[in-house]
């Protein structure tokens, strides 16, 4: 599978939503709020990790694919959906606690439905870009991206945008301790905004035109959407 990035010209309202992680109710509520505020043609961009850990993973994924088919939703590749994709392809993967919920939902489906969904999700994931450049001034990615990677889609870029950088240690909350790649960003006059997820913050983290919007919906906090045009 050849990796790629997507460059889009968008002339409609749009927002970027943080990691959903199977929180269907929160996502559906946010989706309706977005439509009320910006209109029913608003496009939703997702930083990925739409599944795992939550209680409605397949329902969330099916809703995302439904919106995608209506040109209302664009998602970037992310570590959790990438792992589920590899599982569906028959690759050997370690099924962690969060992924177990998604796999259990999948295995509880009737065999015919399971196979249909397997093929559907494989096709969907293979259609997703590593990151999306919107109107040349906003980049949507999962774990982040360095400026020198924008315009590239090799394995080094894939590793960074899916997993980011870590120290090898863990935080008090049990998450891998991540390096803040935004601190060393050297801004230029034409530097794009970078909107990303993956790293959980209590509130959106903003630094050097980088916007971390995973605010831990699945951990009982909240689901965040950001309008880069405001």
C-alpha atoms as a PDB file:
ATOM      1  CA  UNK A   1       0.000   0.000   0.000  1.00  0.00           C
ATOM      2  CA  UNK A   2       1.556   3.254  -1.156  1.00  0.00           C
ATOM      3  CA  UNK A   3       1.175   6.038   1.406  1.00  0.00           C
ATOM      4  CA  UNK A   4       0.106   9.509   0.331  1.00  0.00           C
ATOM      5  CA  UNK A   5      -1.014  12.854   1.644  1.00  0.00           C
ATOM      6  CA  UNK A   6      -4.024  14.855   0.499  1.00  0.00           C
ATOM      7  CA  UNK A   7      -4.083  18.507  -0.508  1.00  0.00           C
ATOM      8  CA  UNK A   8      -7.568  20.029  -0.602  1.00  0.00           C
ATOM      9  CA  UNK A   9      -9.102  23.347  -1.535  1.00  0.00           C
ATOM     10  CA  UNK A  10     -12.125  23.820   0.716  1.00  0.00           C
ATOM     11  CA  UNK A  11     -14.644  26.599   0.118  1.00  0.00           C
ATOM     12  CA  UNK A  12     -17.175  25.389   2.700  1.00  0.00           C
ATOM     13  CA  UNK A  13     -17.155  25.752   6.487  1.00  0.00           C
ATOM     14  CA  UNK A  14     -15.104  23.069   8.209  1.00  0.00           C
ATOM     15  CA  UNK A  15     -13.909  21.999  11.635  1.00  0.00           C
ATOM     16  CA  UNK A  16     -11.318  19.531  12.894  1.00  0.00           C
ATOM     17  CA  UNK A  17     -12.405  17.082  15.590  1.00  0.00           C
ATOM     18  CA  UNK A  18     -10.119  15.408  18.132  1.00  0.00           C
ATOM     19  CA  UNK A  19      -9.743  11.713  18.990  1.00  0.00           C
ATOM     20  CA  UNK A  20     -13.205  10.140  19.288  1.00  0.00           C
ATOM     21  CA  UNK A  21     -12.196   6.638  20.482  1.00  0.00           C
ATOM     22  CA  UNK A  22     -15.631   5.089  20.094  1.00  0.00           C
ATOM     23  CA  UNK A  23     -17.496   7.845  21.953  1.00  0.00           C
ATOM     24  CA  UNK A  24     -20.371   7.850  19.500  1.00  0.00           C
ATOM     25  CA  UNK A  25     -22.829   9.881  21.595  1.00  0.00           C
ATOM     26  CA  UNK A  26     -20.320  12.664  22.169  1.00  0.00           C
ATOM     27  CA  UNK A  27     -19.371  12.732  18.494  1.00  0.00           C
ATOM     28  CA  UNK A  28     -22.981  12.741  17.315  1.00  0.00           C
ATOM     29  CA  UNK A  29     -23.820  15.583  19.703  1.00  0.00           C
ATOM     30  CA  UNK A  30     -20.803  17.561  18.533  1.00  0.00           C
ATOM     31  CA  UNK A  31     -21.680  16.875  14.896  1.00  0.00           C
ATOM     32  CA  UNK A  32     -25.153  18.345  15.439  1.00  0.00           C
ATOM     33  CA  UNK A  33     -23.733  21.374  17.262  1.00  0.00           C
ATOM     34  CA  UNK A  34     -21.358  21.991  14.350  1.00  0.00           C
ATOM     35  CA  UNK A  35     -24.224  21.819  11.853  1.00  0.00           C
ATOM     36  CA  UNK A  36     -26.296  24.232  13.936  1.00  0.00           C
ATOM     37  CA  UNK A  37     -23.436  26.723  14.137  1.00  0.00           C
ATOM     38  CA  UNK A  38     -21.893  26.503  10.674  1.00  0.00           C
ATOM     39  CA  UNK A  39     -24.547  24.865   8.476  1.00  0.00           C
ATOM     40  CA  UNK A  40     -25.441  21.413   7.191  1.00  0.00           C
ATOM     41  CA  UNK A  41     -22.749  21.472   4.513  1.00  0.00           C
ATOM     42  CA  UNK A  42     -19.945  21.818   7.066  1.00  0.00           C
ATOM     43  CA  UNK A  43     -17.084  19.382   6.512  1.00  0.00           C
ATOM     44  CA  UNK A  44     -15.639  17.439   9.442  1.00  0.00           C
ATOM     45  CA  UNK A  45     -11.937  16.619   9.429  1.00  0.00           C
ATOM     46  CA  UNK A  46     -10.752  14.012  11.934  1.00  0.00           C
ATOM     47  CA  UNK A  47      -7.288  13.674  13.465  1.00  0.00           C
ATOM     48  CA  UNK A  48      -7.954   9.918  13.624  1.00  0.00           C
ATOM     49  CA  UNK A  49      -8.296   7.379  16.440  1.00  0.00           C
ATOM     50  CA  UNK A  50     -12.017   7.173  15.869  1.00  0.00           C
ATOM     51  CA  UNK A  51     -12.099   3.715  17.529  1.00  0.00           C
ATOM     52  CA  UNK A  52     -10.855   1.743  20.577  1.00  0.00           C
ATOM     53  CA  UNK A  53     -11.333   2.257  24.324  1.00  0.00           C
ATOM     54  CA  UNK A  54     -14.917   3.542  23.985  1.00  0.00           C
ATOM     55  CA  UNK A  55     -18.202   1.631  24.031  1.00  0.00           C
ATOM     56  CA  UNK A  56     -19.486   2.217  20.485  1.00  0.00           C
ATOM     57  CA  UNK A  57     -16.507   1.650  18.234  1.00  0.00           C
ATOM     58  CA  UNK A  58     -18.134   0.040  15.214  1.00  0.00           C
ATOM     59  CA  UNK A  59     -21.124   2.379  15.400  1.00  0.00           C
ATOM     60  CA  UNK A  60     -18.708   5.323  15.364  1.00  0.00           C
ATOM     61  CA  UNK A  61     -16.672   3.865  12.510  1.00  0.00           C
ATOM     62  CA  UNK A  62     -19.775   3.150  10.424  1.00  0.00           C
ATOM     63  CA  UNK A  63     -21.020   6.706  10.979  1.00  0.00           C
ATOM     64  CA  UNK A  64     -17.645   8.096   9.898  1.00  0.00           C
ATOM     65  CA  UNK A  65     -17.652   5.970   6.744  1.00  0.00           C
ATOM     66  CA  UNK A  66     -21.215   7.045   6.005  1.00  0.00           C
ATOM     67  CA  UNK A  67     -20.230  10.728   6.276  1.00  0.00           C
ATOM     68  CA  UNK A  68     -17.113  10.041   4.200  1.00  0.00           C
ATOM     69  CA  UNK A  69     -19.246   8.626   1.385  1.00  0.00           C
ATOM     70  CA  UNK A  70     -21.265  11.855   1.462  1.00  0.00           C
ATOM     71  CA  UNK A  71     -18.080  13.959   1.206  1.00  0.00           C
ATOM     72  CA  UNK A  72     -18.783  15.355   4.673  1.00  0.00           C
ATOM     73  CA  UNK A  73     -15.945  13.682   6.570  1.00  0.00           C
ATOM     74  CA  UNK A  74     -12.218  13.256   6.034  1.00  0.00           C
ATOM     75  CA  UNK A  75     -10.024  11.208   8.360  1.00  0.00           C
ATOM     76  CA  UNK A  76      -6.251  10.817   8.486  1.00  0.00           C
ATOM     77  CA  UNK A  77      -4.436   7.613   9.277  1.00  0.00           C
ATOM     78  CA  UNK A  78      -3.831   6.964  12.977  1.00  0.00           C
ATOM     79  CA  UNK A  79      -2.255   4.291  15.147  1.00  0.00           C
ATOM     80  CA  UNK A  80      -5.469   2.757  16.496  1.00  0.00           C
ATOM     81  CA  UNK A  81      -7.273   2.369  13.183  1.00  0.00           C
ATOM     82  CA  UNK A  82      -4.007   1.264  11.574  1.00  0.00           C
ATOM     83  CA  UNK A  83      -3.747  -1.562  14.105  1.00  0.00           C
ATOM     84  CA  UNK A  84      -7.369  -2.629  13.557  1.00  0.00           C
ATOM     85  CA  UNK A  85      -6.727  -2.558   9.800  1.00  0.00           C
ATOM     86  CA  UNK A  86      -3.719  -4.856  10.232  1.00  0.00           C
ATOM     87  CA  UNK A  87      -5.845  -7.162  12.410  1.00  0.00           C
ATOM     88  CA  UNK A  88      -8.533  -7.314   9.704  1.00  0.00           C
ATOM     89  CA  UNK A  89      -5.853  -8.103   7.121  1.00  0.00           C
ATOM     90  CA  UNK A  90      -4.872 -11.145   9.187  1.00  0.00           C
ATOM     91  CA  UNK A  91      -1.601  -9.757  10.514  1.00  0.00           C
ATOM     92  CA  UNK A  92      -0.453 -10.746  13.979  1.00  0.00           C
ATOM     93  CA  UNK A  93      -1.065  -7.825  16.328  1.00  0.00           C
ATOM     94  CA  UNK A  94      -1.141  -7.530  20.099  1.00  0.00           C
ATOM     95  CA  UNK A  95      -4.742  -6.867  21.127  1.00  0.00           C
ATOM     96  CA  UNK A  96      -4.467  -4.344  23.924  1.00  0.00           C
ATOM     97  CA  UNK A  97      -7.220  -3.461  26.409  1.00  0.00           C
ATOM     98  CA  UNK A  98      -8.567  -0.589  24.319  1.00  0.00           C
ATOM     99  CA  UNK A  99      -8.517  -2.552  21.083  1.00  0.00           C
ATOM    100  CA  UNK A 100     -10.197  -5.528  22.765  1.00  0.00           C
ATOM    101  CA  UNK A 101     -13.468  -3.606  22.874  1.00  0.00           C
ATOM    102  CA  UNK A 102     -13.411  -3.026  19.122  1.00  0.00           C
ATOM    103  CA  UNK A 103     -12.413  -6.619  18.359  1.00  0.00           C
ATOM    104  CA  UNK A 104     -15.153  -7.979  20.667  1.00  0.00           C
ATOM    105  CA  UNK A 105     -17.766  -5.873  18.900  1.00  0.00           C
ATOM    106  CA  UNK A 106     -16.460  -7.152  15.571  1.00  0.00           C
ATOM    107  CA  UNK A 107     -16.440 -10.834  16.611  1.00  0.00           C
ATOM    108  CA  UNK A 108     -19.981 -10.553  17.981  1.00  0.00           C
ATOM    109  CA  UNK A 109     -21.310  -9.713  14.529  1.00  0.00           C
ATOM    110  CA  UNK A 110     -22.906 -12.460  12.420  1.00  0.00           C
ATOM    111  CA  UNK A 111     -20.274 -14.031  10.157  1.00  0.00           C
ATOM    112  CA  UNK A 112     -21.735 -12.559   6.963  1.00  0.00           C
ATOM    113  CA  UNK A 113     -21.873  -9.047   8.441  1.00  0.00           C
ATOM    114  CA  UNK A 114     -18.391  -9.472   9.844  1.00  0.00           C
ATOM    115  CA  UNK A 115     -16.893 -10.267   6.452  1.00  0.00           C
ATOM    116  CA  UNK A 116     -18.743  -7.400   4.761  1.00  0.00           C
ATOM    117  CA  UNK A 117     -17.490  -4.953   7.388  1.00  0.00           C
ATOM    118  CA  UNK A 118     -13.965  -6.346   7.210  1.00  0.00           C
ATOM    119  CA  UNK A 119     -13.751  -5.635   3.487  1.00  0.00           C
ATOM    120  CA  UNK A 120     -15.399  -2.249   3.909  1.00  0.00           C
ATOM    121  CA  UNK A 121     -12.998  -1.096   6.625  1.00  0.00           C
ATOM    122  CA  UNK A 122      -9.935  -2.354   4.724  1.00  0.00           C
ATOM    123  CA  UNK A 123     -11.005  -0.415   1.635  1.00  0.00           C
ATOM    124  CA  UNK A 124     -11.782   2.670   3.719  1.00  0.00           C
ATOM    125  CA  UNK A 125      -8.491   2.672   5.595  1.00  0.00           C
ATOM    126  CA  UNK A 126      -6.461   2.207   2.429  1.00  0.00           C
ATOM    127  CA  UNK A 127      -8.167   5.314   1.023  1.00  0.00           C
ATOM    128  CA  UNK A 128      -7.044   7.488   3.957  1.00  0.00           C
ATOM    129  CA  UNK A 129      -4.108   9.896   3.647  1.00  0.00           C
ATOM    130  CA  UNK A 130      -1.268  10.208   6.149  1.00  0.00           C
ATOM    131  CA  UNK A 131      -2.210  13.863   6.583  1.00  0.00           C
ATOM    132  CA  UNK A 132      -4.319  16.526   4.896  1.00  0.00           C
ATOM    133  CA  UNK A 133      -3.260  20.002   3.776  1.00  0.00           C
ATOM    134  CA  UNK A 134      -6.275  22.341   3.633  1.00  0.00           C
ATOM    135  CA  UNK A 135      -6.096  25.491   1.517  1.00  0.00           C
ATOM    136  CA  UNK A 136      -2.300  25.483   1.843  1.00  0.00           C
ATOM    137  CA  UNK A 137      -2.515  26.928   5.370  1.00  0.00           C
ATOM    138  CA  UNK A 138      -3.789  24.146   7.671  1.00  0.00           C
ATOM    139  CA  UNK A 139      -2.379  20.654   8.134  1.00  0.00           C
ATOM    140  CA  UNK A 140      -4.464  17.954   9.832  1.00  0.00           C
ATOM    141  CA  UNK A 141      -2.553  14.939  11.131  1.00  0.00           C
ATOM    142  CA  UNK A 142      -2.760  12.419  13.937  1.00  0.00           C
ATOM    143  CA  UNK A 143       0.278  12.692  16.210  1.00  0.00           C
ATOM    144  CA  UNK A 144       1.890  15.744  14.615  1.00  0.00           C
ATOM    145  CA  UNK A 145       4.170  16.597  11.723  1.00  0.00           C
ATOM    146  CA  UNK A 146       7.401  18.513  11.243  1.00  0.00           C
ATOM    147  CA  UNK A 147       7.479  21.263   8.641  1.00  0.00           C
ATOM    148  CA  UNK A 148      10.165  19.477   6.651  1.00  0.00           C
ATOM    149  CA  UNK A 149       7.865  16.439   6.347  1.00  0.00           C
ATOM    150  CA  UNK A 150       4.991  18.362   4.747  1.00  0.00           C
ATOM    151  CA  UNK A 151       4.794  17.330   1.103  1.00  0.00           C
ATOM    152  CA  UNK A 152       6.338  13.915   1.799  1.00  0.00           C
ATOM    153  CA  UNK A 153       4.794  10.503   2.518  1.00  0.00           C
ATOM    154  CA  UNK A 154       7.613   8.061   3.209  1.00  0.00           C
ATOM    155  CA  UNK A 155       8.013   5.606   6.110  1.00  0.00           C
ATOM    156  CA  UNK A 156       9.777   8.179   8.289  1.00  0.00           C
ATOM    157  CA  UNK A 157       6.855  10.574   7.890  1.00  0.00           C
ATOM    158  CA  UNK A 158       4.353   7.774   8.489  1.00  0.00           C
ATOM    159  CA  UNK A 159       6.037   6.790  11.758  1.00  0.00           C
ATOM    160  CA  UNK A 160       6.003  10.368  13.016  1.00  0.00           C
ATOM    161  CA  UNK A 161       2.416  11.230  12.074  1.00  0.00           C
ATOM    162  CA  UNK A 162       1.050   7.966  13.510  1.00  0.00           C
ATOM    163  CA  UNK A 163       3.071   7.733  16.728  1.00  0.00           C
ATOM    164  CA  UNK A 164       4.922  11.004  17.369  1.00  0.00           C
ATOM    165  CA  UNK A 165       8.043  10.965  19.546  1.00  0.00           C
ATOM    166  CA  UNK A 166       8.342   9.425  23.022  1.00  0.00           C
ATOM    167  CA  UNK A 167      10.985   9.320  25.745  1.00  0.00           C
ATOM    168  CA  UNK A 168      10.428   5.653  26.594  1.00  0.00           C
ATOM    169  CA  UNK A 169       8.993   6.618  29.999  1.00  0.00           C
ATOM    170  CA  UNK A 170       5.373   6.762  31.162  1.00  0.00           C
ATOM    171  CA  UNK A 171       3.347   9.519  32.801  1.00  0.00           C
ATOM    172  CA  UNK A 172       1.484   9.226  36.117  1.00  0.00           C
ATOM    173  CA  UNK A 173      -1.693   8.550  34.101  1.00  0.00           C
ATOM    174  CA  UNK A 174      -0.028   5.602  32.386  1.00  0.00           C
ATOM    175  CA  UNK A 175       0.483   7.174  28.970  1.00  0.00           C
ATOM    176  CA  UNK A 176       3.823   7.110  27.136  1.00  0.00           C
ATOM    177  CA  UNK A 177       5.746  10.293  27.921  1.00  0.00           C
ATOM    178  CA  UNK A 178       5.859  12.206  24.675  1.00  0.00           C
ATOM    179  CA  UNK A 179       8.345  14.760  23.429  1.00  0.00           C
ATOM    180  CA  UNK A 180       6.788  18.124  22.616  1.00  0.00           C
ATOM    181  CA  UNK A 181       7.801  18.494  18.969  1.00  0.00           C
ATOM    182  CA  UNK A 182       5.989  21.860  18.804  1.00  0.00           C
ATOM    183  CA  UNK A 183       8.574  23.601  21.023  1.00  0.00           C
ATOM    184  CA  UNK A 184      11.315  23.531  18.414  1.00  0.00           C
ATOM    185  CA  UNK A 185       9.142  24.699  15.537  1.00  0.00           C
ATOM    186  CA  UNK A 186      10.652  27.730  13.787  1.00  0.00           C
ATOM    187  CA  UNK A 187       7.759  29.774  12.427  1.00  0.00           C
ATOM    188  CA  UNK A 188       7.918  31.562   9.096  1.00  0.00           C
ATOM    189  CA  UNK A 189       5.516  34.055   7.586  1.00  0.00           C
ATOM    190  CA  UNK A 190       3.771  31.316   5.582  1.00  0.00           C
ATOM    191  CA  UNK A 191       3.909  28.547   8.216  1.00  0.00           C
ATOM    192  CA  UNK A 192       0.626  26.585   8.269  1.00  0.00           C
ATOM    193  CA  UNK A 193      -1.414  25.795  11.336  1.00  0.00           C
ATOM    194  CA  UNK A 194      -0.943  22.175  12.387  1.00  0.00           C
ATOM    195  CA  UNK A 195      -3.920  20.490  14.074  1.00  0.00           C
ATOM    196  CA  UNK A 196      -3.249  17.127  15.699  1.00  0.00           C
ATOM    197  CA  UNK A 197      -4.444  14.623  18.314  1.00  0.00           C
ATOM    198  CA  UNK A 198      -2.882  11.501  19.892  1.00  0.00           C
ATOM    199  CA  UNK A 199      -1.510  13.309  22.954  1.00  0.00           C
ATOM    200  CA  UNK A 200      -4.168  13.798  25.638  1.00  0.00           C
ATOM    201  CA  UNK A 201      -4.555  17.269  27.150  1.00  0.00           C
ATOM    202  CA  UNK A 202      -7.101  18.522  29.676  1.00  0.00           C
ATOM    203  CA  UNK A 203      -7.584  21.587  27.469  1.00  0.00           C
ATOM    204  CA  UNK A 204      -6.492  22.189  23.852  1.00  0.00           C
ATOM    205  CA  UNK A 205      -2.757  22.780  23.738  1.00  0.00           C
ATOM    206  CA  UNK A 206      -1.656  25.673  21.522  1.00  0.00           C
ATOM    207  CA  UNK A 207       1.986  26.395  20.758  1.00  0.00           C
ATOM    208  CA  UNK A 208       3.773  27.801  17.677  1.00  0.00           C
ATOM    209  CA  UNK A 209       0.617  27.543  15.523  1.00  0.00           C
ATOM    210  CA  UNK A 210       0.219  23.898  16.560  1.00  0.00           C
ATOM    211  CA  UNK A 211      -3.121  22.864  18.071  1.00  0.00           C
ATOM    212  CA  UNK A 212      -3.364  19.665  20.116  1.00  0.00           C
ATOM    213  CA  UNK A 213      -7.080  18.850  20.348  1.00  0.00           C
ATOM    214  CA  UNK A 214      -7.271  15.388  21.927  1.00  0.00           C
ATOM    215  CA  UNK A 215      -8.977  16.355  25.177  1.00  0.00           C
ATOM    216  CA  UNK A 216      -9.666  12.841  26.436  1.00  0.00           C
ATOM    217  CA  UNK A 217     -13.335  12.287  25.615  1.00  0.00           C
ATOM    218  CA  UNK A 218     -12.981   8.562  26.276  1.00  0.00           C
ATOM    219  CA  UNK A 219     -11.417   9.335  29.665  1.00  0.00           C
ATOM    220  CA  UNK A 220     -14.472  11.275  30.798  1.00  0.00           C
ATOM    221  CA  UNK A 221     -13.277  14.718  29.771  1.00  0.00           C
ATOM    222  CA  UNK A 222     -14.618  16.208  26.521  1.00  0.00           C
ATOM    223  CA  UNK A 223     -14.515  15.969  22.757  1.00  0.00           C
ATOM    224  CA  UNK A 224     -13.061  19.049  21.080  1.00  0.00           C
ATOM    225  CA  UNK A 225     -13.625  20.522  17.625  1.00  0.00           C
ATOM    226  CA  UNK A 226     -11.562  23.413  16.275  1.00  0.00           C
ATOM    227  CA  UNK A 227     -12.352  25.813  13.455  1.00  0.00           C
ATOM    228  CA  UNK A 228      -8.988  26.948  12.020  1.00  0.00           C
ATOM    229  CA  UNK A 229     -10.670  29.782  10.136  1.00  0.00           C
ATOM    230  CA  UNK A 230     -11.591  31.628  13.339  1.00  0.00           C
END
